[in-house]
Amino acid sequence: MGILNLIRFCNPTPYPIFQMKFVRRLSLFFIATLLPMIAVEWSELPLPSGPDSDTPSLARAQDGNVYVSWTAPVGEEQHALWISRFDRETKGWHTPVQIARGANWFINWADNATVVTGLRGRVAAVWYVHNEKSGYHAVISTSPDHGQTWTSPQPLSTESDGTEFVSFAPLLNGSWLAVWLDSRARANSGSMQLRSRIIGSDAPDTLIDERVCDCCPISTLVLPNGSVLAAYRDRSDDEVRDIAYQSYNRGTWSEAAAPALDGWRIAGCPVNGASLSRRSGHVATAWFTGAGDKPQVMTARSNNLGRSWNVVARLDDPEHPAKGAVRSTVLRDGSQWVSWVEDGGTIALRTLARDGGLSVINRMPGKAAGKPSMVVLSNNSSEAAQLLVARVEADGVKTHIASLPMETTTTLDDCGCDGAERGHAVRGKIVSVLKDRSALLVAHEEIPGVMMAMTMSFQVDPRVLDLVKPDQAIAARMERRDDGKWWLFSIRILESVN
């Protein structure tokens, strides 16, 4: 399947293909070190979804809970949206709960129903219903108790009947920020807009960008400082449709830095957006582009919450053309795992190490339809990390676990906790070992939203003191404890003294 077969015009249902023109790509490529083959073990996680299930969505909460949702036909000409939570005791899915059901739903591979997790067991869901004016609009519902009970369905916006491709961001105050593509101005300007609102607020919808691509998914990411980063496909007057970024902070949107200018001029919508992810202050973005009539999967990293980006790296294999549907996630060791769909429906998976090394591409057995979804299932120091992938197969929605190899470095101490869920990730170099104070003097990098780069003293487990030396680079977690002091724990040595 060539790049032309990926294009949809305006609505994500098939339309005739239009001629494309391209401009020169402006971004620089990062030539990464090729890492040895990383063996990924795949296994199916049985999901009681049914043979006619469709449109899978995965979500992972800060507390580690993982959810899956899907749609399926029920009764005569009706559909239902279902959700299930992963049970860490049984290593399986809880009994599914029906979020909502109804007639005249818009079920589509591109703009599909999704669930998003918030703080303290909150979950939000969105799905789409046909209407006569705009074609379809978004309907939302929320749950306060891990998806067990749900509020009555409500339209996303009372101002517009054309709300599509909704992305939710769970704000730190417990509210939901919704960002979507809006068609209210389309009859006059011919353009879709990017708009937002706080769910439940009486304030009017906010205009973010008055001209955007017609039907590319939006990605939102809540940062440690409480702000929100949004990635979407923009649209210029001369039909350049590159990924753009906006930042939300205390009710105000502002343009954010983009890692690259692809210069993809295309007279139609490619139905492919970006995927944002982070671990602590390390933010990653990955996206699909067809600039120069060459399908490519790109990624970039930021160590300062998206204020600036590292040089772009290409991830795909030109011998196996990419179709898109990119997903990205960052693990506790700083590595970034990216998945995408190749021509023919194969899901490809590749990691970009924190130091820039690229692994050989792994390919998931079998084929996928629609847009696969990927999240971290588990990621702690005591066992191999696991990714979870949901995709549509011949007999409905299935979930699969990708078990990654154990880290080769081990921690010097054990805090008796899941270090990935406590404190803040920190990297630095040991300046001196303060044995009389059971502390390390460390020159550390900036911890975005927490503190600037500096040299400071950290309390440590006394067992660490005889295992480390000055000038060693370390990665660890840090937190302020009841004694008022900053502690380092889950310490790993990154390089040894010569």
Protein backbone atom coordinates (compact mmCIF):
# COMPACT_ATOMS: atom_id res chain seq x y z
CA MET A 1 0.00 0.00 0.00
CA GLY A 2 1.53 3.33 -1.04
CA ILE A 3 1.32 6.63 0.76
CA LEU A 4 -1.61 7.76 -1.38
CA ASN A 5 -3.77 5.00 0.05
CA LEU A 6 -3.49 6.54 3.51
CA ILE A 7 -5.23 9.81 2.66
CA ARG A 8 -8.77 10.65 3.68
CA PHE A 9 -10.39 13.93 2.79
CA CYS A 10 -12.19 15.81 5.58
CA ASN A 11 -14.21 12.96 7.09
CA PRO A 12 -12.45 9.71 8.07
CA THR A 13 -14.67 7.66 5.78
CA PRO A 14 -13.14 6.82 2.37
CA TYR A 15 -13.14 9.55 -0.29
CA PRO A 16 -11.40 9.84 -3.66
CA ILE A 17 -7.68 10.42 -3.47
CA PHE A 18 -6.37 13.86 -4.37
CA GLN A 19 -3.05 14.79 -5.90
CA MET A 20 -0.32 15.67 -3.39
CA LYS A 21 2.54 18.10 -3.65
CA PHE A 22 5.48 18.18 -1.30
CA VAL A 23 8.03 20.72 -0.09
CA ARG A 24 11.58 20.05 1.01
CA ARG A 25 11.93 18.46 4.46
CA LEU A 26 13.59 20.92 6.86
CA SER A 27 14.38 18.76 9.88
CA LEU A 28 17.73 17.10 10.57
CA PHE A 29 18.11 13.39 11.15
CA PHE A 30 19.88 11.90 14.12
CA ILE A 31 22.14 8.98 13.19
CA ALA A 32 21.68 6.66 16.14
CA THR A 33 23.85 3.81 17.34
CA LEU A 34 22.28 0.46 16.49
CA LEU A 35 21.75 -1.62 19.60
CA PRO A 36 21.82 -5.44 19.69
CA MET A 37 18.58 -7.28 19.02
CA ILE A 38 16.23 -6.91 22.00
CA ALA A 39 14.16 -10.08 22.27
CA VAL A 40 10.49 -9.30 22.95
CA GLU A 41 8.27 -12.16 24.08
CA TRP A 42 4.63 -11.91 22.97
CA SER A 43 1.70 -13.56 24.73
CA GLU A 44 -2.06 -13.09 24.45
CA LEU A 45 -3.95 -11.73 27.46
CA PRO A 46 -7.49 -13.14 27.02
CA LEU A 47 -10.12 -10.42 26.79
CA PRO A 48 -13.88 -11.19 26.97
CA SER A 49 -14.69 -8.79 24.14
CA GLY A 50 -16.60 -10.95 21.66
CA PRO A 51 -16.07 -11.69 17.96
CA ASP A 52 -17.77 -8.48 16.72
CA SER A 53 -15.90 -6.10 19.03
CA ASP A 54 -14.10 -3.13 17.52
CA THR A 55 -12.27 0.18 18.22
CA PRO A 56 -9.96 -0.77 21.13
CA SER A 57 -8.53 1.83 23.49
CA LEU A 58 -6.01 1.43 26.32
CA ALA A 59 -5.31 3.81 29.20
CA ARG A 60 -2.90 3.71 32.15
CA ALA A 61 -3.36 5.72 35.34
CA GLN A 62 -0.62 7.19 37.51
CA ASP A 63 -1.44 4.60 40.18
CA GLY A 64 -0.56 1.84 37.71
CA ASN A 65 -4.11 0.74 36.92
CA VAL A 66 -4.60 -0.22 33.27
CA TYR A 67 -7.94 -0.13 31.43
CA VAL A 68 -9.17 -1.36 28.06
CA SER A 69 -12.34 -0.30 26.24
CA TRP A 70 -14.08 -1.42 23.07
CA THR A 71 -17.37 -1.12 21.20
CA ALA A 72 -19.61 -3.96 20.12
CA PRO A 73 -23.09 -4.29 18.54
CA VAL A 74 -25.95 -5.07 20.95
CA GLY A 75 -29.58 -5.72 20.13
CA GLU A 76 -30.99 -4.33 16.91
CA GLU A 77 -28.98 -1.49 15.36
CA GLN A 78 -27.40 -0.51 18.67
CA HIS A 79 -23.87 -0.43 19.99
CA ALA A 80 -22.39 -0.47 23.47
CA LEU A 81 -19.11 0.82 24.90
CA TRP A 82 -17.41 -1.53 27.38
CA ILE A 83 -14.54 -1.13 29.83
CA SER A 84 -12.43 -3.54 31.87
CA ARG A 85 -9.61 -3.02 34.37
CA PHE A 86 -6.54 -5.21 34.63
CA ASP A 87 -6.45 -7.29 37.81
CA ARG A 88 -2.87 -7.52 39.10
CA GLU A 89 -3.80 -10.33 41.50
CA THR A 90 -5.10 -12.71 38.84
CA LYS A 91 -3.07 -11.23 35.96
CA GLY A 92 -6.27 -10.99 33.92
CA TRP A 93 -9.13 -8.65 33.10
CA HIS A 94 -11.97 -7.83 35.51
CA THR A 95 -15.55 -8.52 34.43
CA PRO A 96 -16.38 -5.87 31.79
CA VAL A 97 -18.70 -2.97 32.66
CA GLN A 98 -20.99 -1.37 30.09
CA ILE A 99 -20.40 2.39 29.98
CA ALA A 100 -23.29 3.22 27.64
CA ARG A 101 -25.34 1.87 24.78
CA GLY A 102 -27.49 3.45 22.08
CA ALA A 103 -28.59 3.66 18.48
CA ASN A 104 -27.17 5.72 15.63
CA TRP A 105 -23.60 5.58 16.93
CA PHE A 106 -20.74 6.53 14.65
CA ILE A 107 -18.35 3.55 14.69
CA ASN A 108 -15.17 4.24 12.74
CA TRP A 109 -11.60 2.96 12.72
CA ALA A 110 -10.15 6.48 12.79
CA ASP A 111 -12.30 8.51 15.20
CA ASN A 112 -13.10 5.79 17.67
CA ALA A 113 -14.43 5.69 21.22
CA THR A 114 -11.73 6.03 23.90
CA VAL A 115 -11.23 6.03 27.67
CA VAL A 116 -8.77 8.19 29.61
CA THR A 117 -7.63 7.87 33.22
CA GLY A 118 -7.39 10.63 35.80
CA LEU A 119 -6.38 10.88 39.44
CA ARG A 120 -7.75 8.74 42.28
CA GLY A 121 -9.77 6.29 40.19
CA ARG A 122 -11.36 8.81 37.84
CA VAL A 123 -12.00 7.67 34.27
CA ALA A 124 -13.51 9.53 31.31
CA ALA A 125 -15.04 8.08 28.14
CA VAL A 126 -16.00 9.57 24.78
CA TRP A 127 -17.89 8.13 21.83
CA TYR A 128 -19.66 9.54 18.78
CA VAL A 129 -23.26 9.78 17.58
CA HIS A 130 -24.59 10.68 14.13
CA ASN A 131 -26.49 13.93 13.60
CA GLU A 132 -28.09 15.64 10.59
CA LYS A 133 -26.13 18.91 10.75
CA SER A 134 -22.47 17.98 10.93
CA GLY A 135 -22.39 14.22 10.46
CA TYR A 136 -21.56 13.27 14.05
CA HIS A 137 -20.62 14.69 17.45
CA ALA A 138 -18.91 13.60 20.67
CA VAL A 139 -20.74 12.32 23.74
CA ILE A 140 -18.96 11.99 27.09
CA SER A 141 -19.37 10.28 30.45
CA THR A 142 -17.15 10.09 33.53
CA SER A 143 -16.62 7.63 36.37
CA PRO A 144 -15.35 8.35 39.91
CA ASP A 145 -14.71 4.72 40.87
CA HIS A 146 -12.38 2.97 38.41
CA GLY A 147 -15.11 2.61 35.77
CA GLN A 148 -17.71 0.85 37.92
CA THR A 149 -20.39 3.56 37.68
CA TRP A 150 -20.86 6.26 35.07
CA THR A 151 -22.58 9.63 34.76
CA SER A 152 -25.41 10.18 32.29
CA PRO A 153 -24.06 10.76 28.76
CA GLN A 154 -23.79 14.42 27.74
CA PRO A 155 -22.71 16.19 24.54
CA LEU A 156 -19.14 17.42 24.76
CA SER A 157 -20.11 20.95 23.71
CA THR A 158 -23.41 22.83 23.76
CA GLU A 159 -22.06 25.35 21.27
CA SER A 160 -21.20 23.01 18.41
CA ASP A 161 -22.75 19.90 16.89
CA GLY A 162 -19.53 19.00 15.07
CA THR A 163 -17.05 17.77 17.70
CA GLU A 164 -14.57 15.13 16.55
CA PHE A 165 -11.30 13.43 17.56
CA VAL A 166 -11.56 14.33 21.24
CA SER A 167 -8.54 14.04 23.54
CA PHE A 168 -8.90 14.34 27.33
CA ALA A 169 -6.23 15.62 29.74
CA PRO A 170 -6.78 14.94 33.47
CA LEU A 171 -5.80 18.14 35.28
CA LEU A 172 -4.17 18.02 38.71
CA ASN A 173 -7.24 19.62 40.35
CA GLY A 174 -9.38 16.63 39.32
CA SER A 175 -11.12 18.28 36.36
CA TRP A 176 -10.91 17.26 32.70
CA LEU A 177 -9.58 19.38 29.86
CA ALA A 178 -11.04 18.30 26.51
CA VAL A 179 -9.40 19.22 23.20
CA TRP A 180 -11.06 18.43 19.88
CA LEU A 181 -11.50 19.17 16.17
CA ASP A 182 -14.52 21.42 15.66
CA SER A 183 -16.50 21.92 12.44
CA ARG A 184 -18.69 24.90 13.47
CA ALA A 185 -16.85 27.28 11.10
CA ARG A 186 -16.53 24.85 8.23
CA ALA A 187 -19.54 26.09 6.29
CA ASN A 188 -18.04 29.59 6.14
CA SER A 189 -14.28 29.06 6.05
CA GLY A 190 -14.04 25.47 4.87
CA SER A 191 -11.71 24.74 7.79
CA MET A 192 -11.77 22.65 10.92
CA GLN A 193 -10.73 24.36 14.14
CA LEU A 194 -8.96 23.20 17.28
CA ARG A 195 -10.98 24.00 20.42
CA SER A 196 -11.03 23.11 24.10
CA ARG A 197 -13.08 23.37 27.26
CA ILE A 198 -13.02 22.30 30.91
CA ILE A 199 -15.69 19.67 31.37
CA GLY A 200 -18.44 20.98 33.64
CA SER A 201 -17.35 24.60 33.33
CA ASP A 202 -19.80 27.36 32.34
CA ALA A 203 -17.07 29.11 30.35
CA PRO A 204 -17.40 29.10 26.54
CA ASP A 205 -15.38 26.82 24.30
CA THR A 206 -11.86 28.13 23.69
CA LEU A 207 -10.46 28.57 20.17
CA ILE A 208 -6.86 27.29 20.01
CA ASP A 209 -6.17 27.20 16.26
CA GLU A 210 -8.57 28.44 13.59
CA ARG A 211 -7.31 26.18 10.76
CA VAL A 212 -6.19 22.59 11.35
CA CYS A 213 -6.12 19.30 9.46
CA ASP A 214 -9.53 17.74 9.01
CA CYS A 215 -9.34 14.36 10.73
CA CYS A 216 -6.03 13.60 12.43
CA PRO A 217 -6.05 12.42 16.05
CA ILE A 218 -4.93 14.76 18.84
CA SER A 219 -2.58 13.79 21.66
CA THR A 220 -2.52 15.55 25.04
CA LEU A 221 -0.05 15.12 27.89
CA VAL A 222 -0.23 16.45 31.46
CA LEU A 223 3.20 17.61 32.63
CA PRO A 224 4.60 17.50 36.21
CA ASN A 225 4.07 21.25 36.63
CA GLY A 226 0.34 20.91 35.87
CA SER A 227 0.46 22.34 32.37
CA VAL A 228 -0.78 20.40 29.33
CA LEU A 229 1.02 19.82 26.04
CA ALA A 230 -1.13 19.13 22.97
CA ALA A 231 0.08 17.79 19.63
CA TYR A 232 -2.10 18.00 16.51
CA ARG A 233 -1.76 18.23 12.74
CA ASP A 234 -1.89 21.84 11.58
CA ARG A 235 -2.92 23.11 8.13
CA SER A 236 -1.42 26.11 6.38
CA ASP A 237 -3.00 28.13 3.56
CA ASP A 238 -0.84 26.28 1.04
CA GLU A 239 -1.77 22.85 2.50
CA VAL A 240 1.35 22.06 4.51
CA ARG A 241 0.09 19.76 7.27
CA ASP A 242 2.83 19.27 9.85
CA ILE A 243 2.48 18.39 13.52
CA ALA A 244 2.10 21.48 15.72
CA TYR A 245 2.20 21.86 19.51
CA GLN A 246 0.29 24.04 21.96
CA SER A 247 0.75 24.48 25.70
CA TYR A 248 -2.09 25.03 28.19
CA ASN A 249 -1.39 26.68 31.54
CA ARG A 250 -3.97 28.17 33.93
CA GLY A 251 -6.63 28.66 31.30
CA THR A 252 -4.38 30.05 28.56
CA TRP A 253 -3.11 28.40 25.39
CA SER A 254 0.18 29.38 23.76
CA GLU A 255 2.19 28.01 20.84
CA ALA A 256 4.86 25.52 21.87
CA ALA A 257 8.06 24.48 20.14
CA ALA A 258 7.88 21.79 17.45
CA PRO A 259 10.80 19.35 17.07
CA ALA A 260 10.72 19.38 13.26
CA LEU A 261 9.19 20.93 10.17
CA ASP A 262 8.40 18.08 7.80
CA GLY A 263 7.02 20.31 5.06
CA TRP A 264 4.37 17.72 4.17
CA ARG A 265 2.16 19.41 1.59
CA ILE A 266 -0.90 17.26 0.99
CA ALA A 267 -4.35 18.12 -0.38
CA GLY A 268 -6.15 15.70 1.93
CA CYS A 269 -6.09 14.41 5.46
CA PRO A 270 -3.65 11.55 6.22
CA VAL A 271 -5.63 10.51 9.35
CA ASN A 272 -2.41 10.29 11.35
CA GLY A 273 -1.47 12.37 14.36
CA ALA A 274 1.33 12.37 16.93
CA SER A 275 1.73 10.42 20.16
CA LEU A 276 3.01 12.16 23.30
CA SER A 277 4.39 10.32 26.32
CA ARG A 278 6.61 11.02 29.31
CA ARG A 279 8.33 9.63 32.37
CA SER A 280 8.91 12.31 35.00
CA GLY A 281 10.27 15.35 33.12
CA HIS A 282 11.42 13.41 30.05
CA VAL A 283 8.88 14.01 27.26
CA ALA A 284 8.78 12.13 23.96
CA THR A 285 6.82 12.63 20.78
CA ALA A 286 6.49 10.30 17.80
CA TRP A 287 4.61 10.87 14.57
CA PHE A 288 4.07 9.75 10.98
CA THR A 289 4.93 11.85 7.93
CA GLY A 290 4.77 11.35 4.19
CA ALA A 291 6.90 14.33 3.19
CA GLY A 292 8.72 13.75 -0.08
CA ASP A 293 6.32 10.90 -0.83
CA LYS A 294 8.30 8.78 1.69
CA PRO A 295 6.30 7.32 4.57
CA GLN A 296 8.36 7.70 7.76
CA VAL A 297 7.97 7.31 11.53
CA MET A 298 9.85 10.00 13.43
CA THR A 299 10.54 10.73 17.08
CA ALA A 300 12.10 13.43 19.24
CA ARG A 301 12.83 13.82 22.94
CA SER A 302 12.75 16.75 25.35
CA ASN A 303 14.41 17.04 28.76
CA ASN A 304 12.67 20.32 29.66
CA LEU A 305 8.94 19.55 29.32
CA GLY A 306 8.76 20.33 25.62
CA ARG A 307 10.31 23.80 25.71
CA SER A 308 12.94 22.51 23.28
CA TRP A 309 13.59 19.20 21.52
CA ASN A 310 16.53 17.02 20.63
CA VAL A 311 17.35 16.27 17.01
CA VAL A 312 14.82 14.05 15.26
CA ALA A 313 15.43 10.32 14.72
CA ARG A 314 13.79 8.10 12.12
CA LEU A 315 12.47 4.75 13.37
CA ASP A 316 10.84 2.87 10.49
CA ASP A 317 12.36 0.47 7.96
CA PRO A 318 12.16 1.73 4.35
CA GLU A 319 11.94 -1.88 3.18
CA HIS A 320 8.65 -2.23 5.10
CA PRO A 321 6.69 0.97 4.38
CA ALA A 322 4.95 2.49 7.40
CA LYS A 323 1.22 3.27 7.38
CA GLY A 324 1.22 5.19 10.67
CA ALA A 325 -0.97 4.71 13.78
CA VAL A 326 2.08 5.61 15.89
CA ARG A 327 2.11 5.01 19.66
CA SER A 328 4.87 6.04 22.08
CA THR A 329 5.70 5.34 25.73
CA VAL A 330 8.69 6.06 27.98
CA LEU A 331 9.96 3.57 30.58
CA ARG A 332 11.60 4.19 33.94
CA ASP A 333 15.11 3.68 32.51
CA GLY A 334 14.56 6.54 30.07
CA SER A 335 14.11 4.32 27.01
CA GLN A 336 11.29 5.12 24.62
CA TRP A 337 9.28 2.38 22.93
CA VAL A 338 7.40 3.26 19.75
CA SER A 339 4.95 1.12 17.79
CA TRP A 340 3.43 1.69 14.36
CA VAL A 341 1.60 -0.23 11.66
CA GLU A 342 3.44 -1.29 8.53
CA ASP A 343 2.01 -1.95 5.09
CA GLY A 344 0.00 -5.17 5.34
CA GLY A 345 -1.10 -4.66 8.95
CA THR A 346 2.00 -5.78 10.86
CA ILE A 347 2.71 -3.92 14.11
CA ALA A 348 6.37 -2.87 14.40
CA LEU A 349 8.00 -2.10 17.75
CA ARG A 350 11.31 -0.35 18.36
CA THR A 351 13.11 1.26 21.27
CA LEU A 352 15.21 4.40 21.39
CA ALA A 353 17.53 4.23 24.39
CA ARG A 354 18.14 7.25 26.57
CA ASP A 355 21.63 7.59 25.06
CA GLY A 356 20.22 7.58 21.53
CA GLY A 357 20.84 3.94 20.60
CA LEU A 358 18.20 2.27 18.40
CA SER A 359 17.21 -1.37 18.73
CA VAL A 360 16.48 -3.67 15.84
CA ILE A 361 12.79 -3.55 14.92
CA ASN A 362 10.60 -6.22 16.54
CA ARG A 363 7.42 -7.27 14.76
CA MET A 364 4.33 -8.57 16.51
CA PRO A 365 3.00 -11.86 15.11
CA GLY A 366 -0.22 -11.59 13.12
CA LYS A 367 -1.95 -8.64 11.47
CA ALA A 368 -3.91 -5.66 12.78
CA ALA A 369 -6.88 -3.68 11.53
CA GLY A 370 -7.74 -0.12 12.51
CA LYS A 371 -5.59 1.71 15.08
CA PRO A 372 -3.78 -0.42 17.65
CA SER A 373 -3.30 1.01 21.14
CA MET A 374 -0.25 0.58 23.42
CA VAL A 375 0.50 1.39 27.08
CA VAL A 376 2.90 0.25 29.80
CA LEU A 377 1.43 -2.66 31.75
CA SER A 378 4.19 -2.96 34.37
CA ASN A 379 7.54 -1.27 34.87
CA ASN A 380 9.32 -1.77 38.19
CA SER A 381 12.78 -2.86 39.27
CA SER A 382 11.86 -6.39 40.38
CA GLU A 383 10.70 -7.82 37.05
CA ALA A 384 10.89 -7.35 33.30
CA ALA A 385 8.89 -4.43 31.95
CA GLN A 386 5.73 -5.28 30.03
CA LEU A 387 3.91 -3.37 27.32
CA LEU A 388 0.26 -4.00 26.51
CA VAL A 389 -1.07 -3.84 22.95
CA ALA A 390 -4.74 -3.90 21.93
CA ARG A 391 -5.69 -4.46 18.30
CA VAL A 392 -8.56 -5.63 16.09
CA GLU A 393 -8.08 -9.13 14.72
CA ALA A 394 -10.29 -11.38 12.58
CA ASP A 395 -12.36 -12.40 15.61
CA GLY A 396 -12.58 -9.08 17.43
CA VAL A 397 -10.49 -7.01 19.85
CA LYS A 398 -7.55 -8.82 21.42
CA THR A 399 -4.94 -7.76 23.97
CA HIS A 400 -1.34 -8.95 23.95
CA ILE A 401 1.59 -8.54 26.36
CA ALA A 402 5.07 -7.69 25.12
CA SER A 403 7.55 -8.78 27.79
CA LEU A 404 10.83 -6.90 27.56
CA PRO A 405 14.22 -8.12 28.79
CA MET A 406 15.24 -7.33 32.35
CA GLU A 407 17.50 -4.32 32.80
CA THR A 408 21.16 -5.30 32.93
CA THR A 409 21.86 -2.83 35.72
CA THR A 410 20.45 -3.38 39.20
CA THR A 411 19.70 -0.98 42.01
CA LEU A 412 22.10 -0.71 44.92
CA ASP A 413 19.32 -0.43 47.47
CA ASP A 414 15.72 -1.53 47.95
CA CYS A 415 13.20 0.95 49.30
CA GLY A 416 10.48 -1.73 49.49
CA CYS A 417 8.32 0.20 47.02
CA ASP A 418 7.63 0.53 43.33
CA GLY A 419 10.23 3.17 42.64
CA ALA A 420 8.63 4.03 39.28
CA GLU A 421 5.55 5.34 41.10
CA ARG A 422 7.32 7.26 43.90
CA GLY A 423 9.37 10.42 43.92
CA HIS A 424 11.07 11.98 40.92
CA ALA A 425 13.52 10.50 38.45
CA VAL A 426 16.96 12.08 38.72
CA ARG A 427 20.29 11.60 36.98
CA GLY A 428 23.64 13.01 37.99
CA LYS A 429 27.27 12.42 38.98
CA ILE A 430 28.54 11.66 42.45
CA VAL A 431 30.81 14.46 43.67
CA SER A 432 31.71 12.89 47.01
CA VAL A 433 30.64 10.16 49.42
CA LEU A 434 29.73 11.60 52.86
CA LYS A 435 29.95 8.49 55.04
CA ASP A 436 29.73 10.40 58.32
CA ARG A 437 26.32 11.74 57.23
CA SER A 438 25.06 8.67 55.29
CA ALA A 439 24.77 10.95 52.28
CA LEU A 440 25.98 11.51 48.74
CA LEU A 441 26.90 14.87 47.28
CA VAL A 442 25.49 14.73 43.73
CA ALA A 443 25.64 17.16 40.80
CA HIS A 444 22.28 16.41 39.19
CA GLU A 445 20.40 17.44 36.07
CA GLU A 446 17.31 19.65 36.15
CA ILE A 447 14.20 17.91 37.47
CA PRO A 448 11.54 19.79 35.46
CA GLY A 449 8.85 21.29 37.65
CA VAL A 450 10.76 20.33 40.83
CA MET A 451 14.19 21.97 40.97
CA MET A 452 16.93 23.34 38.75
CA ALA A 453 20.20 21.57 38.06
CA MET A 454 22.52 21.88 41.07
CA THR A 455 24.91 20.09 43.40
CA MET A 456 23.25 18.99 46.62
CA SER A 457 23.43 16.42 49.40
CA PHE A 458 21.05 13.44 49.46
CA GLN A 459 20.46 10.96 52.27
CA VAL A 460 20.90 7.31 51.22
CA ASP A 461 20.63 3.82 52.65
CA PRO A 462 23.95 3.21 54.49
CA ARG A 463 24.48 0.07 52.38
CA VAL A 464 25.06 2.31 49.36
CA LEU A 465 28.09 4.12 50.80
CA ASP A 466 30.59 1.31 50.24
CA LEU A 467 29.28 0.55 46.75
CA VAL A 468 29.79 3.90 45.08
CA LYS A 469 32.69 6.25 44.30
CA PRO A 470 33.09 9.86 43.20
CA ASP A 471 32.69 10.57 39.46
CA GLN A 472 30.23 7.72 38.92
CA ALA A 473 27.12 8.63 36.93
CA ILE A 474 23.91 7.42 38.55
CA ALA A 475 20.19 7.22 37.93
CA ALA A 476 17.84 7.14 40.90
CA ARG A 477 14.56 8.31 42.40
CA MET A 478 14.42 11.22 44.84
CA GLU A 479 11.80 12.28 47.37
CA ARG A 480 11.47 14.52 50.44
CA ARG A 481 10.66 12.36 53.44
CA ASP A 482 9.14 13.03 56.86
CA ASP A 483 12.52 14.11 58.27
CA GLY A 484 12.46 17.05 55.84
CA LYS A 485 15.49 15.77 53.93
CA TRP A 486 15.82 14.72 50.30
CA TRP A 487 16.58 11.01 49.87
CA LEU A 488 17.91 9.01 46.94
CA PHE A 489 16.67 5.46 46.43
CA SER A 490 16.51 2.83 43.66
CA ILE A 491 20.05 3.92 42.75
CA ARG A 492 21.70 2.50 39.63
CA ILE A 493 25.30 3.07 38.48
CA LEU A 494 25.43 4.18 34.85
CA GLU A 495 29.21 4.30 34.44
CA SER A 496 32.13 3.22 36.57
CA VAL A 497 35.28 5.03 37.59
CA ASN A 498 38.23 4.33 35.32
